[in-house]
């Protein structure tokens, strides 16, 4: 698109005469709000707290422009320049390698666009990001906001109170809760407090399957609250709700939207490695807002900041069933990869696995890489033909996980794809090749956290088979032992 400025108003233009792509306009004027203008409530619902492209808006440009001229809609540059360096306004990309020039039919020039967030629609030098500047939609609250009837453990209750306080005071707070502590339930009172104060709140998580799992739980806890569930291909894409559950990628569509963001699995891929997702979380917050971070495995920097008082945090060191976390055993298994090349597995690994099969005890066995796992599969199927293997690109991944849940699979081989976000009630866990660099402290703690989650089966065996102990293995075990000690000290574990 090209624009001209007339009478201090930005106006779309179909000709190149005296017009420019929006990025090259020095300053974008914002008309005063006209209270007499009859704004479109559908546009209000769609744009409040958003930054969308024209093609995302199922309303004619003429109507959008009329709202802008009456102060209700904002135009922002899709790409800004810091000196001569381009910066994407949506994802914050500054890497020159992620900008590409192309002959643009919209503005008739060679136009620069951001490749980094292309999956959300193309942002170029002539692309305006469109937002809302009028009143926000009314939220009608029911007499009873929260319908969840459960009770919290002592550890959960303490964390819940700190979440409420942080949301009310627009502060940041880390909830460092062991795997299986019941983090979701800890949030309910804070969400209720936010909604009661007419605040807009978002739970963001790196993975779509977590959004799909959380959505029905949140809808059951807050049945009369409109909940928007956002992920790639979601039907709620244009739904405005006071409570939003979204993947962190979907936060790229938001701008100064939320009074509180709860960032779940803050240590998980891809959030930890993609600066654009961290940028999106910051942009999606209002200037005065709360940010609650949830994780079982904060990185070393955050652990240090927590212990030295530089970061506000609460630990939940014990699971709700009051049994300690299973502490991993370290078992040396020799050069297992060399043995695998000869179609063999170390004898102690085979003994561990066959013991589970004979005892009818389900188990997860983690491998560092897909080819190694797939080479081990036929060896283990000699003991039970129903053993399966799963990885991120497996088209039958969901079906296999469900089959494991329904006890149709005795043993499931897996990569780190199942290190988090899955719960099986009664399993043991092994890692083959725990010395591999892919098994970070965080990954190993999460893997250990798959065992002993159920109150009916609170014990589980966790074994790290290795060809040499690593610092990450030692740190993982130290963190688990430390949490158990804290749980005992605070009276949160059965003695």
Protein backbone atom coordinates (compact mmCIF):
# COMPACT_ATOMS: atom_id res chain seq x y z
CA UNK A 1 0.00 0.00 0.00
CA UNK A 2 0.96 3.61 -0.55
CA UNK A 3 -0.21 6.54 1.53
CA UNK A 4 -0.34 10.32 1.33
CA UNK A 5 -0.81 12.76 4.20
CA UNK A 6 -3.58 15.32 3.69
CA UNK A 7 -4.71 17.67 6.45
CA UNK A 8 -2.59 15.67 8.91
CA UNK A 9 -4.43 12.42 8.05
CA UNK A 10 -2.93 9.31 6.45
CA UNK A 11 -4.87 8.36 3.30
CA UNK A 12 -4.39 5.26 1.09
CA UNK A 13 -3.36 6.09 -2.48
CA UNK A 14 -3.53 4.08 -5.71
CA UNK A 15 -1.00 6.24 -7.51
CA UNK A 16 2.72 6.80 -7.05
CA UNK A 17 2.34 10.58 -7.26
CA UNK A 18 3.36 12.21 -3.95
CA UNK A 19 2.67 8.95 -2.10
CA UNK A 20 4.98 6.60 -0.16
CA UNK A 21 5.00 3.12 1.37
CA UNK A 22 4.10 3.51 5.04
CA UNK A 23 7.64 2.70 6.28
CA UNK A 24 9.01 5.74 4.44
CA UNK A 25 6.55 8.20 5.99
CA UNK A 26 8.45 10.05 8.71
CA UNK A 27 5.62 10.30 11.26
CA UNK A 28 2.17 8.73 11.18
CA UNK A 29 -0.54 11.11 12.40
CA UNK A 30 -3.29 9.81 14.69
CA UNK A 31 -6.64 11.65 14.41
CA UNK A 32 -8.52 12.58 17.56
CA UNK A 33 -11.24 10.21 18.75
CA UNK A 34 -14.64 11.35 17.43
CA UNK A 35 -17.21 10.33 20.09
CA UNK A 36 -20.08 10.89 17.65
CA UNK A 37 -18.78 8.30 15.20
CA UNK A 38 -20.72 5.02 15.15
CA UNK A 39 -17.94 2.44 15.26
CA UNK A 40 -18.37 -1.14 14.08
CA UNK A 41 -18.45 -3.46 17.13
CA UNK A 42 -17.17 -6.36 14.99
CA UNK A 43 -14.08 -4.33 14.14
CA UNK A 44 -13.73 -3.39 17.81
CA UNK A 45 -13.84 -7.08 18.85
CA UNK A 46 -11.37 -8.04 16.13
CA UNK A 47 -8.77 -5.32 16.68
CA UNK A 48 -8.74 -4.65 20.44
CA UNK A 49 -5.21 -5.43 21.63
CA UNK A 50 -4.16 -6.72 18.21
CA UNK A 51 -1.75 -5.80 15.42
CA UNK A 52 -3.20 -7.27 12.24
CA UNK A 53 -2.59 -7.08 8.52
CA UNK A 54 -5.31 -5.86 6.17
CA UNK A 55 -5.78 -9.39 4.83
CA UNK A 56 -6.51 -10.57 8.40
CA UNK A 57 -9.48 -8.20 8.61
CA UNK A 58 -12.71 -9.36 6.86
CA UNK A 59 -13.93 -5.75 6.60
CA UNK A 60 -13.43 -3.43 3.55
CA UNK A 61 -10.47 -1.04 3.61
CA UNK A 62 -12.86 1.92 3.19
CA UNK A 63 -14.54 1.09 6.51
CA UNK A 64 -11.20 0.53 8.26
CA UNK A 65 -10.00 3.88 6.91
CA UNK A 66 -13.17 5.64 8.13
CA UNK A 67 -12.48 4.29 11.62
CA UNK A 68 -8.88 5.56 11.40
CA UNK A 69 -10.00 9.04 10.30
CA UNK A 70 -12.32 9.16 13.31
CA UNK A 71 -9.57 8.07 15.70
CA UNK A 72 -10.71 4.50 16.36
CA UNK A 73 -8.11 2.62 14.34
CA UNK A 74 -4.31 2.98 14.41
CA UNK A 75 -1.79 2.44 11.63
CA UNK A 76 1.77 1.44 12.54
CA UNK A 77 4.73 0.75 10.28
CA UNK A 78 5.28 -2.95 9.67
CA UNK A 79 8.99 -2.30 9.25
CA UNK A 80 10.86 0.49 11.02
CA UNK A 81 14.42 1.63 10.37
CA UNK A 82 17.05 2.06 13.07
CA UNK A 83 19.41 4.24 11.04
CA UNK A 84 19.82 2.18 7.90
CA UNK A 85 18.98 -1.13 9.57
CA UNK A 86 15.45 -2.55 9.21
CA UNK A 87 13.55 -3.83 12.25
CA UNK A 88 10.31 -5.84 12.02
CA UNK A 89 7.69 -4.17 14.23
CA UNK A 90 5.81 -7.42 14.74
CA UNK A 91 8.54 -9.92 15.66
CA UNK A 92 11.46 -7.61 16.46
CA UNK A 93 13.75 -9.24 13.87
CA UNK A 94 16.91 -7.20 13.21
CA UNK A 95 18.93 -9.84 11.36
CA UNK A 96 19.67 -8.61 7.80
CA UNK A 97 19.64 -12.21 6.60
CA UNK A 98 15.95 -12.46 7.48
CA UNK A 99 14.96 -9.51 5.28
CA UNK A 100 14.43 -10.05 1.54
CA UNK A 101 13.59 -7.62 -1.28
CA UNK A 102 10.91 -8.44 -3.85
CA UNK A 103 9.02 -6.59 -6.63
CA UNK A 104 5.84 -5.60 -4.78
CA UNK A 105 2.56 -5.30 -6.69
CA UNK A 106 0.96 -3.34 -3.84
CA UNK A 107 3.30 -0.37 -3.81
CA UNK A 108 4.91 -0.82 -7.24
CA UNK A 109 8.42 -0.71 -5.80
CA UNK A 110 11.13 -3.12 -4.75
CA UNK A 111 9.92 -3.80 -1.24
CA UNK A 112 11.69 -5.30 1.77
CA UNK A 113 9.86 -7.95 3.82
CA UNK A 114 10.57 -9.93 7.00
CA UNK A 115 11.08 -13.64 6.43
CA UNK A 116 11.28 -14.42 10.13
CA UNK A 117 7.53 -14.11 10.84
CA UNK A 118 6.27 -14.88 7.32
CA UNK A 119 4.11 -17.72 8.69
CA UNK A 120 1.86 -15.05 10.25
CA UNK A 121 1.45 -13.21 6.92
CA UNK A 122 3.93 -11.03 5.08
CA UNK A 123 5.15 -7.83 6.73
CA UNK A 124 6.81 -5.48 4.24
CA UNK A 125 7.80 -1.82 3.95
CA UNK A 126 4.37 -0.97 2.59
CA UNK A 127 2.44 -3.05 5.15
CA UNK A 128 0.56 -1.23 7.92
CA UNK A 129 -0.05 -3.00 11.22
CA UNK A 130 -3.61 -2.17 12.17
CA UNK A 131 -4.81 -1.80 15.76
CA UNK A 132 -7.67 -0.36 17.85
CA UNK A 133 -7.70 2.98 19.65
CA UNK A 134 -11.35 3.15 20.77
CA UNK A 135 -13.11 1.82 23.86
CA UNK A 136 -12.56 -1.86 24.65
CA UNK A 137 -15.47 -4.31 24.43
CA UNK A 138 -17.63 -4.63 27.52
CA UNK A 139 -17.06 -7.75 29.60
CA UNK A 140 -20.17 -8.90 31.45
CA UNK A 141 -19.12 -10.94 34.45
CA UNK A 142 -21.32 -13.66 35.95
CA UNK A 143 -22.17 -13.58 39.65
CA UNK A 144 -19.88 -16.59 40.13
CA UNK A 145 -16.69 -16.45 38.07
CA UNK A 146 -14.85 -19.61 39.17
CA UNK A 147 -16.64 -22.95 39.44
CA UNK A 148 -13.65 -25.13 40.32
CA UNK A 149 -14.38 -26.96 43.58
CA UNK A 150 -11.01 -28.59 44.27
CA UNK A 151 -8.68 -27.90 47.16
CA UNK A 152 -5.03 -26.88 46.99
CA UNK A 153 -2.13 -28.41 48.87
CA UNK A 154 -0.22 -26.18 51.29
CA UNK A 155 2.50 -25.60 48.69
CA UNK A 156 -0.04 -24.82 45.97
CA UNK A 157 -1.93 -22.44 48.27
CA UNK A 158 1.19 -20.39 49.05
CA UNK A 159 2.00 -20.08 45.35
CA UNK A 160 -1.61 -19.22 44.52
CA UNK A 161 -1.58 -16.31 46.99
CA UNK A 162 1.63 -14.95 45.46
CA UNK A 163 0.13 -15.21 41.95
CA UNK A 164 -2.93 -13.22 43.07
CA UNK A 165 -0.72 -10.54 44.63
CA UNK A 166 1.52 -10.25 41.55
CA UNK A 167 -1.50 -9.90 39.24
CA UNK A 168 -3.13 -7.28 41.46
CA UNK A 169 0.13 -5.32 41.85
CA UNK A 170 1.19 -5.64 38.16
CA UNK A 171 4.41 -7.41 39.13
CA UNK A 172 6.54 -10.22 37.72
CA UNK A 173 6.70 -13.51 39.61
CA UNK A 174 8.25 -16.92 38.98
CA UNK A 175 6.46 -20.07 40.14
CA UNK A 176 9.12 -22.78 40.31
CA UNK A 177 7.05 -25.92 40.76
CA UNK A 178 8.24 -29.50 40.50
CA UNK A 179 6.83 -31.70 37.73
CA UNK A 180 3.39 -32.89 38.81
CA UNK A 181 2.89 -30.20 41.46
CA UNK A 182 -0.40 -29.08 39.88
CA UNK A 183 0.58 -25.71 38.37
CA UNK A 184 -2.70 -25.22 36.50
CA UNK A 185 -4.79 -25.32 39.67
CA UNK A 186 -2.44 -22.78 41.27
CA UNK A 187 -3.54 -20.27 38.61
CA UNK A 188 -7.29 -20.43 39.12
CA UNK A 189 -7.57 -17.94 41.98
CA UNK A 190 -5.26 -15.47 40.20
CA UNK A 191 -7.32 -15.74 37.01
CA UNK A 192 -10.49 -15.17 39.04
CA UNK A 193 -8.97 -12.08 40.70
CA UNK A 194 -7.92 -10.69 37.32
CA UNK A 195 -11.34 -11.24 35.75
CA UNK A 196 -13.10 -9.75 38.79
CA UNK A 197 -11.00 -6.59 38.29
CA UNK A 198 -12.03 -6.46 34.59
CA UNK A 199 -8.49 -7.36 33.59
CA UNK A 200 -7.72 -9.19 30.37
CA UNK A 201 -5.52 -12.23 30.98
CA UNK A 202 -3.60 -14.64 28.77
CA UNK A 203 -2.01 -18.03 29.41
CA UNK A 204 0.71 -18.57 26.81
CA UNK A 205 2.65 -21.77 26.22
CA UNK A 206 5.17 -22.80 23.55
CA UNK A 207 3.27 -25.91 22.41
CA UNK A 208 -0.10 -26.40 20.70
CA UNK A 209 -0.83 -29.67 22.52
CA UNK A 210 -0.63 -27.85 25.87
CA UNK A 211 -3.16 -25.26 24.60
CA UNK A 212 -5.47 -28.10 23.54
CA UNK A 213 -5.09 -29.76 26.95
CA UNK A 214 -5.59 -26.56 28.98
CA UNK A 215 -8.60 -25.23 27.06
CA UNK A 216 -11.23 -27.69 28.36
CA UNK A 217 -9.83 -27.44 31.89
CA UNK A 218 -10.09 -23.64 31.87
CA UNK A 219 -13.55 -23.74 30.32
CA UNK A 220 -14.69 -26.16 33.03
CA UNK A 221 -13.24 -23.94 35.78
CA UNK A 222 -14.72 -20.73 34.27
CA UNK A 223 -17.78 -21.98 32.36
CA UNK A 224 -19.47 -18.59 31.98
CA UNK A 225 -16.35 -16.73 30.80
CA UNK A 226 -15.59 -16.42 27.10
CA UNK A 227 -12.31 -18.26 26.51
CA UNK A 228 -10.33 -17.73 23.28
CA UNK A 229 -8.11 -20.71 22.40
CA UNK A 230 -5.47 -19.70 19.86
CA UNK A 231 -3.05 -21.87 17.90
CA UNK A 232 -2.26 -22.45 14.21
CA UNK A 233 -5.58 -23.13 12.43
CA UNK A 234 -7.70 -22.26 15.49
CA UNK A 235 -11.35 -21.32 14.90
CA UNK A 236 -11.09 -18.71 17.69
CA UNK A 237 -8.69 -16.54 15.67
CA UNK A 238 -11.05 -13.53 15.64
CA UNK A 239 -12.67 -14.14 19.05
CA UNK A 240 -12.26 -11.47 21.73
CA UNK A 241 -12.27 -12.92 25.22
CA UNK A 242 -11.24 -11.72 28.69
CA UNK A 243 -9.40 -15.06 29.06
CA UNK A 244 -7.12 -16.20 26.25
CA UNK A 245 -5.06 -19.39 25.97
CA UNK A 246 -2.49 -19.18 23.16
CA UNK A 247 0.73 -20.56 21.80
CA UNK A 248 3.59 -18.10 22.16
CA UNK A 249 3.65 -17.80 18.35
CA UNK A 250 0.10 -16.40 18.44
CA UNK A 251 1.28 -13.56 20.71
CA UNK A 252 2.84 -12.04 17.57
CA UNK A 253 -0.67 -10.87 16.62
CA UNK A 254 -1.14 -8.95 19.91
CA UNK A 255 -0.03 -5.47 20.92
CA UNK A 256 -0.48 -3.96 24.40
CA UNK A 257 -3.40 -6.36 24.91
CA UNK A 258 -3.13 -8.04 28.30
CA UNK A 259 -3.16 -6.86 31.90
CA UNK A 260 -1.57 -10.16 32.90
CA UNK A 261 0.28 -12.86 30.98
CA UNK A 262 0.96 -16.26 32.50
CA UNK A 263 3.86 -17.78 30.60
CA UNK A 264 3.82 -21.55 31.02
CA UNK A 265 6.86 -23.76 30.35
CA UNK A 266 9.07 -20.69 30.09
CA UNK A 267 12.10 -22.97 29.75
CA UNK A 268 10.71 -24.96 26.82
CA UNK A 269 11.62 -24.96 23.13
CA UNK A 270 10.99 -22.93 21.01
CA UNK A 271 10.44 -20.03 23.45
CA UNK A 272 13.94 -20.28 24.92
CA UNK A 273 15.74 -20.08 21.57
CA UNK A 274 13.54 -17.69 19.56
CA UNK A 275 14.03 -14.06 20.55
CA UNK A 276 10.96 -13.15 18.48
CA UNK A 277 8.72 -15.11 20.88
CA UNK A 278 10.22 -13.36 23.89
CA UNK A 279 9.73 -10.05 22.05
CA UNK A 280 6.11 -11.03 21.29
CA UNK A 281 5.39 -11.71 24.97
CA UNK A 282 6.70 -8.27 25.92
CA UNK A 283 4.74 -6.54 23.12
CA UNK A 284 1.52 -8.36 24.05
CA UNK A 285 1.61 -6.89 27.59
CA UNK A 286 0.13 -3.56 28.49
CA UNK A 287 2.69 -1.07 29.77
CA UNK A 288 1.45 -1.62 33.30
CA UNK A 289 0.83 -5.36 33.62
CA UNK A 290 1.74 -8.56 35.43
CA UNK A 291 3.86 -11.43 34.13
CA UNK A 292 3.75 -14.83 35.83
CA UNK A 293 6.37 -17.36 34.77
CA UNK A 294 5.75 -21.07 35.34
CA UNK A 295 8.40 -23.77 35.13
CA UNK A 296 9.73 -26.88 36.79
CA UNK A 297 13.19 -26.21 35.44
CA UNK A 298 14.34 -22.58 35.39
CA UNK A 299 17.71 -21.96 33.74
CA UNK A 300 20.84 -21.37 35.81
CA UNK A 301 20.56 -17.58 35.52
CA UNK A 302 17.02 -17.58 36.88
CA UNK A 303 17.91 -20.03 39.64
CA UNK A 304 20.78 -17.75 40.69
CA UNK A 305 18.58 -14.62 40.54
CA UNK A 306 15.95 -16.38 42.66
CA UNK A 307 18.41 -17.49 45.31
CA UNK A 308 20.09 -14.07 45.53
CA UNK A 309 16.82 -12.15 45.85
CA UNK A 310 16.97 -10.52 42.41
CA UNK A 311 13.86 -12.31 41.16
CA UNK A 312 10.55 -12.71 43.01
CA UNK A 313 9.69 -16.38 43.10
CA UNK A 314 7.78 -19.12 44.88
CA UNK A 315 8.76 -22.78 44.92
CA UNK A 316 6.38 -25.71 45.12
CA UNK A 317 8.93 -28.40 46.01
CA UNK A 318 6.44 -31.23 46.47
CA UNK A 319 3.69 -32.91 44.51
CA UNK A 320 0.13 -32.72 45.73
CA UNK A 321 0.23 -36.39 46.87
CA UNK A 322 3.00 -35.52 49.38
CA UNK A 323 5.46 -38.19 48.16
CA UNK A 324 9.03 -37.24 47.22
CA UNK A 325 10.21 -36.96 43.63
CA UNK A 326 11.93 -40.12 42.36
CA UNK A 327 15.70 -39.55 42.46
CA UNK A 328 17.47 -40.88 39.35
CA UNK A 329 20.00 -43.71 39.56
CA UNK A 330 23.17 -43.38 37.47
CA UNK A 331 24.09 -46.68 35.77
CA UNK A 332 27.18 -47.03 33.56
CA UNK A 333 26.40 -49.04 30.42
CA UNK A 334 29.63 -48.76 28.43
CA UNK A 335 29.86 -47.72 24.79
CA UNK A 336 26.21 -48.42 24.03
CA UNK A 337 26.33 -46.79 20.58
CA UNK A 338 29.10 -49.13 19.47
CA UNK A 339 27.05 -52.07 20.70
CA UNK A 340 23.98 -50.75 18.90
CA UNK A 341 25.92 -50.73 15.61
CA UNK A 342 26.29 -54.50 16.13
CA UNK A 343 22.52 -54.76 16.74
CA UNK A 344 23.00 -55.22 20.47
CA UNK A 345 22.11 -53.25 23.60
CA UNK A 346 24.09 -53.28 26.87
CA UNK A 347 23.08 -56.25 29.08
CA UNK A 348 22.08 -54.02 32.03
CA UNK A 349 19.78 -51.98 29.75
CA UNK A 350 18.16 -55.19 28.48
CA UNK A 351 17.76 -56.49 32.04
CA UNK A 352 16.06 -53.24 33.07
CA UNK A 353 13.65 -53.44 30.15
CA UNK A 354 12.83 -57.14 30.39
CA UNK A 355 12.20 -56.76 34.14
CA UNK A 356 9.49 -54.20 33.36
CA UNK A 357 7.93 -56.37 30.67
CA UNK A 358 7.84 -59.40 33.00
CA UNK A 359 6.39 -57.31 35.84
CA UNK A 360 3.78 -55.80 33.47
CA UNK A 361 5.07 -52.32 34.42
CA UNK A 362 4.87 -49.71 31.68
CA UNK A 363 7.99 -47.69 30.93
CA UNK A 364 9.29 -44.81 28.85
CA UNK A 365 12.79 -45.25 27.43
CA UNK A 366 14.43 -42.08 26.13
CA UNK A 367 17.05 -41.99 23.38
CA UNK A 368 19.05 -38.93 22.31
CA UNK A 369 18.50 -39.30 18.54
CA UNK A 370 15.89 -40.82 16.23
CA UNK A 371 18.23 -43.13 14.22
CA UNK A 372 19.59 -44.68 17.43
CA UNK A 373 16.09 -45.19 18.79
CA UNK A 374 14.89 -46.78 15.54
CA UNK A 375 17.90 -49.12 15.53
CA UNK A 376 17.04 -50.22 19.10
CA UNK A 377 13.35 -50.85 18.31
CA UNK A 378 13.67 -54.21 16.45
CA UNK A 379 16.09 -55.47 19.13
CA UNK A 380 13.51 -54.80 21.86
CA UNK A 381 10.60 -56.11 19.83
CA UNK A 382 12.16 -59.55 20.21
CA UNK A 383 10.95 -59.37 23.82
CA UNK A 384 7.52 -57.89 23.04
CA UNK A 385 6.23 -57.18 19.53
CA UNK A 386 3.89 -54.40 20.75
CA UNK A 387 6.75 -52.10 21.83
CA UNK A 388 6.57 -48.80 19.89
CA UNK A 389 8.79 -45.78 19.22
CA UNK A 390 7.73 -42.13 18.81
CA UNK A 391 9.34 -38.84 17.79
CA UNK A 392 8.31 -35.29 16.81
CA UNK A 393 7.77 -35.99 13.10
CA UNK A 394 5.92 -39.27 13.67
CA UNK A 395 2.49 -38.97 11.96
CA UNK A 396 1.06 -41.47 14.47
CA UNK A 397 2.50 -39.68 17.51
CA UNK A 398 -0.84 -38.78 19.13
CA UNK A 399 -2.29 -42.25 18.53
CA UNK A 400 0.76 -43.94 20.09
CA UNK A 401 0.68 -41.69 23.15
CA UNK A 402 -3.03 -42.39 23.58
CA UNK A 403 -2.41 -46.12 23.18
CA UNK A 404 0.25 -45.88 25.89
CA UNK A 405 -2.26 -44.11 28.15
CA UNK A 406 -4.80 -46.89 27.59
CA UNK A 407 -2.09 -49.47 28.39
CA UNK A 408 -2.02 -50.90 24.87
CA UNK A 409 1.76 -50.42 24.73
CA UNK A 410 4.03 -51.91 27.42
CA UNK A 411 7.10 -49.90 26.54
CA UNK A 412 7.42 -46.70 24.52
CA UNK A 413 10.77 -45.58 23.10
CA UNK A 414 10.95 -41.83 22.64
CA UNK A 415 13.11 -38.82 21.97
CA UNK A 416 12.90 -35.71 24.17
CA UNK A 417 9.50 -34.98 22.56
CA UNK A 418 7.87 -36.68 25.59
CA UNK A 419 10.09 -35.06 28.23
CA UNK A 420 7.16 -32.85 29.27
CA UNK A 421 3.44 -32.38 28.80
CA UNK A 422 2.44 -36.06 29.07
CA UNK A 423 1.22 -37.95 32.11
CA UNK A 424 1.06 -41.72 32.46
CA UNK A 425 -0.19 -42.88 35.86
CA UNK A 426 2.22 -45.73 36.66
CA UNK A 427 5.50 -45.85 34.77
CA UNK A 428 9.23 -46.26 35.21
CA UNK A 429 11.62 -44.15 33.15
CA UNK A 430 15.03 -44.84 31.62
CA UNK A 431 17.40 -42.68 29.60
CA UNK A 432 19.81 -44.51 27.29
CA UNK A 433 22.82 -42.31 26.62
CA UNK A 434 22.17 -39.74 29.35
CA UNK A 435 25.64 -38.31 28.64
CA UNK A 436 24.50 -36.91 25.26
CA UNK A 437 24.53 -33.10 25.02
CA UNK A 438 20.83 -33.06 24.11
CA UNK A 439 20.07 -34.13 27.69
CA UNK A 440 20.43 -30.81 29.53
CA UNK A 441 19.73 -30.39 33.24
CA UNK A 442 16.26 -29.15 32.32
CA UNK A 443 15.53 -32.11 30.03
CA UNK A 444 16.76 -34.67 32.58
CA UNK A 445 14.68 -33.14 35.40
CA UNK A 446 11.61 -33.12 33.17
CA UNK A 447 12.22 -36.74 32.11
CA UNK A 448 12.54 -37.82 35.76
CA UNK A 449 9.31 -35.92 36.39
CA UNK A 450 7.35 -38.39 34.24
CA UNK A 451 7.56 -41.02 37.03
CA UNK A 452 5.56 -41.14 40.24
CA UNK A 453 2.95 -38.52 39.29
CA UNK A 454 -0.18 -40.39 40.39
CA UNK A 455 -1.39 -40.48 44.00
CA UNK A 456 -2.17 -44.19 43.49
CA UNK A 457 1.35 -44.84 42.17
CA UNK A 458 3.57 -42.13 43.70
CA UNK A 459 6.77 -44.15 43.38
CA UNK A 460 8.65 -44.75 40.16
CA UNK A 461 12.12 -45.83 39.11
CA UNK A 462 14.23 -43.38 37.10
CA UNK A 463 17.51 -44.63 35.62
CA UNK A 464 20.07 -42.69 33.62
CA UNK A 465 22.17 -45.20 31.62
CA UNK A 466 25.39 -43.47 30.59
CA UNK A 467 28.86 -43.81 29.10
CA UNK A 468 30.29 -41.22 31.51
CA UNK A 469 28.59 -38.86 33.94
CA UNK A 470 28.07 -35.27 32.82
CA UNK A 471 27.71 -32.01 34.70
CA UNK A 472 24.11 -31.81 33.47
CA UNK A 473 23.29 -35.22 34.98
CA UNK A 474 24.79 -34.19 38.32
CA UNK A 475 22.93 -30.85 38.32
CA UNK A 476 19.65 -32.58 37.48
CA UNK A 477 19.96 -35.02 40.37
CA UNK A 478 21.08 -32.21 42.70
CA UNK A 479 17.99 -30.15 41.79
CA UNK A 480 15.65 -33.09 42.47
CA UNK A 481 17.33 -33.90 45.80
CA UNK A 482 17.23 -30.21 46.76
CA UNK A 483 13.49 -29.99 46.08
CA UNK A 484 12.84 -33.09 48.19
CA UNK A 485 14.86 -31.59 51.05
CA UNK A 486 12.92 -28.35 50.82
CA UNK A 487 9.65 -30.28 50.76
CA UNK A 488 10.60 -32.07 53.98
CA UNK A 489 11.80 -28.83 55.62
CA UNK A 490 8.51 -27.06 54.83
CA UNK A 491 6.39 -30.02 55.95
CA UNK A 492 5.04 -30.64 52.46
CA UNK A 493 6.16 -34.27 52.25
CA UNK A 494 5.10 -37.31 54.25
CA UNK A 495 7.94 -38.45 56.54
